[in-house]
Protein backbone atom coordinates (compact mmCIF):
# COMPACT_ATOMS: atom_id res chain seq x y z
CA MET A 1 -3.52 -12.88 -59.09
CA ILE A 2 -1.70 -15.29 -56.84
CA ASP A 3 -3.54 -18.31 -58.27
CA PRO A 4 -6.63 -17.77 -60.43
CA GLY A 5 -7.56 -21.41 -59.81
CA THR A 6 -8.17 -20.80 -56.10
CA GLN A 7 -11.79 -21.26 -55.07
CA GLU A 8 -13.77 -18.00 -55.27
CA ASN A 9 -14.02 -17.59 -51.50
CA GLY A 10 -10.49 -18.76 -50.74
CA GLU A 11 -9.33 -22.07 -49.28
CA ASP A 12 -7.93 -23.37 -46.04
CA TYR A 13 -4.20 -22.62 -46.08
CA LEU A 14 -2.91 -26.12 -45.35
CA ALA A 15 -5.50 -27.91 -47.50
CA TYR A 16 -4.58 -25.68 -50.45
CA ASN A 17 -0.85 -26.31 -49.99
CA ARG A 18 -1.36 -30.06 -49.70
CA ARG A 19 -3.51 -30.10 -52.84
CA ARG A 20 -1.13 -27.94 -54.84
CA TRP A 21 2.34 -28.98 -53.59
CA GLY A 22 1.86 -31.91 -51.21
CA SER A 23 2.67 -29.81 -48.10
CA ASP A 24 3.46 -26.29 -46.99
CA GLY A 25 7.17 -27.04 -46.72
CA TRP A 26 7.98 -24.43 -49.35
CA THR A 27 6.81 -21.71 -46.92
CA HIS A 28 9.41 -22.48 -44.24
CA SER A 29 12.20 -20.44 -45.86
CA LEU A 30 9.70 -17.69 -46.69
CA ARG A 31 8.64 -17.50 -43.05
CA ALA A 32 12.27 -17.48 -41.86
CA LYS A 33 13.13 -14.61 -44.18
CA GLY A 34 9.95 -12.82 -43.15
CA ARG A 35 10.77 -13.03 -39.45
CA LYS A 36 14.06 -11.23 -40.10
CA VAL A 37 12.22 -8.21 -41.52
CA GLY A 38 9.22 -8.12 -39.20
CA ALA A 39 6.81 -10.14 -41.35
CA PRO A 40 6.56 -13.49 -39.55
CA PHE A 41 3.46 -14.79 -41.39
CA ALA A 42 2.08 -15.24 -37.86
CA ASP A 43 -1.52 -16.18 -38.64
CA TRP A 44 -1.76 -17.35 -42.26
CA LYS A 45 -5.00 -19.37 -42.24
CA ILE A 46 -6.50 -18.80 -45.68
CA TRP A 47 -5.11 -19.11 -49.18
CA PRO A 48 -7.14 -16.31 -50.74
CA ASN A 49 -8.53 -15.87 -54.18
CA THR A 50 -7.11 -12.39 -54.74
CA LEU A 51 -9.53 -11.29 -57.47
CA ARG A 52 -11.41 -8.94 -55.12
CA ALA A 53 -8.19 -7.52 -53.67
CA HIS A 54 -7.03 -6.76 -57.21
CA GLN A 55 -10.39 -5.16 -57.96
CA LEU A 56 -9.83 -2.89 -54.96
CA LEU A 57 -6.33 -1.94 -56.13
CA ARG A 58 -7.61 -1.08 -59.60
CA PHE A 59 -10.56 0.92 -58.19
CA ALA A 60 -8.69 2.93 -55.58
CA PRO A 61 -6.67 6.06 -56.34
CA ARG A 62 -3.12 5.18 -57.37
CA GLU A 63 -1.63 6.98 -54.36
CA LYS A 64 -3.42 4.47 -52.10
CA GLU A 65 -1.91 1.40 -53.80
CA ALA A 66 1.05 0.78 -51.47
CA GLN A 67 -1.07 1.39 -48.38
CA LEU A 68 -3.77 -1.02 -49.59
CA LYS A 69 -1.27 -3.73 -50.54
CA LYS A 70 0.25 -3.52 -47.06
CA ALA A 71 -3.21 -3.71 -45.48
CA CYS A 72 -4.13 -6.75 -47.57
CA PHE A 73 -0.84 -8.52 -46.79
CA GLU A 74 -1.26 -7.87 -43.07
CA ALA A 75 -4.85 -9.10 -43.20
CA ILE A 76 -3.88 -12.35 -44.96
CA TYR A 77 -0.55 -13.25 -43.40
CA GLU A 78 -0.57 -11.68 -39.95
CA ASN A 79 -4.26 -11.49 -38.98
CA GLY A 80 -5.61 -14.70 -40.54
CA GLU A 81 -8.25 -12.84 -42.54
CA ASN A 82 -9.77 -13.75 -45.87
CA VAL A 83 -9.51 -11.01 -48.50
CA SER A 84 -11.66 -13.19 -50.77
CA ASP A 85 -14.60 -12.22 -48.57
CA PRO A 86 -16.45 -9.14 -49.89
CA GLU A 87 -17.05 -7.72 -46.41
CA THR A 88 -13.38 -8.10 -45.45
CA ILE A 89 -12.11 -6.37 -48.59
CA CYS A 90 -14.70 -3.59 -48.18
CA ARG A 91 -13.63 -3.09 -44.56
CA ILE A 92 -10.00 -2.82 -45.69
CA ALA A 93 -11.07 -0.28 -48.30
CA SER A 94 -12.94 1.76 -45.69
CA GLU A 95 -10.10 1.67 -43.16
CA ASN A 96 -7.76 3.00 -45.82
CA GLY A 97 -9.86 5.90 -47.03
CA VAL A 98 -11.33 4.39 -50.19
CA ASP A 99 -14.87 5.26 -51.33
CA VAL A 100 -16.51 2.05 -50.11
CA GLU A 101 -19.95 2.75 -51.54
CA GLY A 102 -18.42 3.37 -54.95
CA PHE A 103 -16.30 0.23 -54.61
CA ARG A 104 -19.33 -1.88 -53.62
CA LYS A 105 -21.08 -0.77 -56.82
CA VAL A 106 -18.32 -2.18 -59.02
CA LEU A 107 -17.18 -5.10 -56.85
CA ASP A 108 -17.78 -8.43 -58.58
CA THR A 109 -19.20 -6.84 -61.72
CA PRO A 110 -18.22 -8.63 -64.93
CA GLU A 111 -16.40 -5.46 -66.04
CA ALA A 112 -14.28 -5.24 -62.89
CA GLN A 113 -13.46 -8.95 -63.01
CA GLN A 114 -12.54 -8.76 -66.68
CA ASP A 115 -10.35 -5.72 -66.04
CA VAL A 116 -8.30 -7.69 -63.49
CA ARG A 117 -8.11 -10.77 -65.71
CA ARG A 118 -6.99 -8.63 -68.66
CA ALA A 119 -4.23 -7.01 -66.55
CA CYS A 120 -3.09 -10.46 -65.37
CA ALA A 121 -3.01 -11.77 -68.94
CA GLN A 122 -0.91 -8.78 -70.04
CA ALA A 123 1.52 -9.37 -67.18
CA SER A 124 1.76 -13.04 -68.13
CA GLN A 125 2.53 -12.09 -71.74
CA ARG A 126 5.40 -9.92 -70.41
CA GLY A 127 6.82 -12.97 -68.64
CA VAL A 128 5.50 -12.46 -65.11
CA ARG A 129 5.22 -15.91 -63.54
CA GLY A 130 5.35 -15.18 -59.83
CA VAL A 131 5.31 -12.56 -57.13
CA PRO A 132 7.04 -10.43 -56.32
CA TYR A 133 8.17 -9.57 -59.83
CA PHE A 134 10.83 -6.97 -60.62
CA VAL A 135 11.80 -5.26 -63.84
CA VAL A 136 15.21 -3.58 -63.96
CA GLN A 137 16.10 -1.24 -66.81
CA GLY A 138 19.79 -0.88 -67.49
CA ARG A 139 21.23 1.16 -70.30
CA GLU A 140 18.81 2.84 -72.67
CA ASP A 141 19.76 0.50 -75.50
CA ALA A 142 19.42 -2.67 -73.38
CA ARG A 143 16.34 -4.75 -72.83
CA PRO A 144 14.84 -4.64 -69.33
CA VAL A 145 15.53 -7.67 -67.18
CA GLY A 146 12.65 -9.25 -65.29
CA PHE A 147 12.86 -11.70 -62.41
CA SER A 148 10.58 -12.97 -59.71
CA GLY A 149 10.91 -14.20 -56.19
CA ALA A 150 11.68 -12.86 -52.78
CA VAL A 151 15.36 -12.01 -52.99
CA ASP A 152 17.56 -10.51 -50.34
CA ALA A 153 19.65 -7.34 -50.66
CA PRO A 154 22.92 -9.00 -51.78
CA GLN A 155 21.09 -10.80 -54.59
CA LEU A 156 19.44 -7.54 -55.69
CA VAL A 157 22.82 -5.77 -55.74
CA GLU A 158 24.24 -8.60 -57.87
CA ILE A 159 21.33 -8.40 -60.33
CA PHE A 160 21.57 -4.62 -60.60
CA GLY A 161 25.31 -4.95 -61.18
CA GLU A 162 24.76 -7.40 -64.02
CA VAL A 163 22.12 -5.21 -65.65
CA LEU A 164 24.20 -2.04 -65.40
């Protein structure tokens, strides 16, 4: 989850950033990089609690994962929507061919919430501290290298070179 401490129904984008970091200044470079690749973060209004979005990803068929992530990112960052809202996340599920009635039955159940929290705890134990997070496996006898953050192509090439 992006921040498990986010209020259940999400928070106002700027208020969250002021509370957590004093301002949203850290997003300026993110937005600049995003504009270069067609992701301008044009209408980011809500800092979501991503528990329900993660529940959707764990419920949906694996082949829908990339499509659903893209839909959630577009909803949050480009359309100013709140994926913390049950109706919003169910609409995203429906628009992307997920069994919405089945999803509604498990949404917000203690089991579904615990499943997400367990997966997050396992990721944390593996060293995941931010998103995106990458794991690069080099030689068979070498340990995988993990790193987080939005990195550009030259940085990725450098990291792959070091691992290989």
